[in-house]
Amino acid sequence: NSKMMVAKIATQEKVWITICKTTGYPYELQHGALILLTDENREAFIQKMEEGHYSVDIMPVKKEELHLCMDALRKDGYLAVFVADGIRPAVGIPMQEWPTAKKEGENSIQNPRLQIAMTAFFQEMRRENVEEGANKDMHNRMCAYLEHEMMAAIVSSTYLIPTRKDEKGNTTYPVMNGSDKTTALAVYTDIVEQSKEFGADWMTTTLSYDKVVEMVETMNADAFIVNSKGVCLTVNKKIMEHLAVEKKELREEYEKQQKEQENAAKSEVAEPTGNKEA
């Protein structure tokens, strides 16, 4: 029973969350996070993950921090938490079963599906030393699939853009300068990601993907950059041109998947195999 398991875990002094070193975010497994109940098998677990070409570490989460950890996972698009001891297969528990620190009615602009799509794509793309042959082919196919999911989320999302007034009272927007002398408009999935780069002296406005593209054109920028201090994605004009052709179909796919996820959230999460390639 997942409720009983969550209640039991909540009484532990600490648990350990798996962090992917190549993204800096919780390791993504079937759009879920992976938590260990003990760190006794730490070395064996990390070695097992390295054999699958994933570089990870485990970080302690204290009992009093568990609800905050779960809210951060929700913000970042994780749909479940897989609980394991580092040896036996993990058991999946839906996100709605876990505690929250949020108050009823509290809400803010977030893009969990874009955030998790970016995390999943870059985690897979940055896998280390994937050998040639069947594993490499599987890796390439997975990257292509995850990139497609990410593009569908990009064109379907609402973005936060920092703004402030200059000395003349004109509204200014942040532009990042690349090492190759390109410029990119900075946009964010949520206020937590924005605050990593811009402080309280910046206000926030929200724009759809199409409005972001218009702003890039108006500002004569070369691209826009999503979450400049997080799992960072640069969308240049070549990608924008491609998405201009594909966005209607991508948005239809996105809406269909949204309905499927909402239905799936009402049922129990299936146990994972413990290996994406199994």
Foldseek 3Di string as FASTA:
>chain_A
DLLVVQVVLLPDQKKKWKAFPQFRHADADVLATEIASDCPCVVVLQVVVVVLQTHIHIDIAGSVCQQVVLVVSVLQRRQWYWYYNSPDFTFTFGSVSHHHPDDPPDDFQGQNQLNSLLVQLSRLVPRPDQDPDPSVVVSVVSNVVSVLSNLLSLQAGKWKWWWDADPVRDIDTDWDADPVRFIATEIERGPVLVCVPDPPRTDIDIDHSVVRVVVCVVVVGQWYWYSPPGSIDTQGPVNVVVCVVVNVVSPVVVVVVVVVSVVCSVDGDGGDPNHPVD
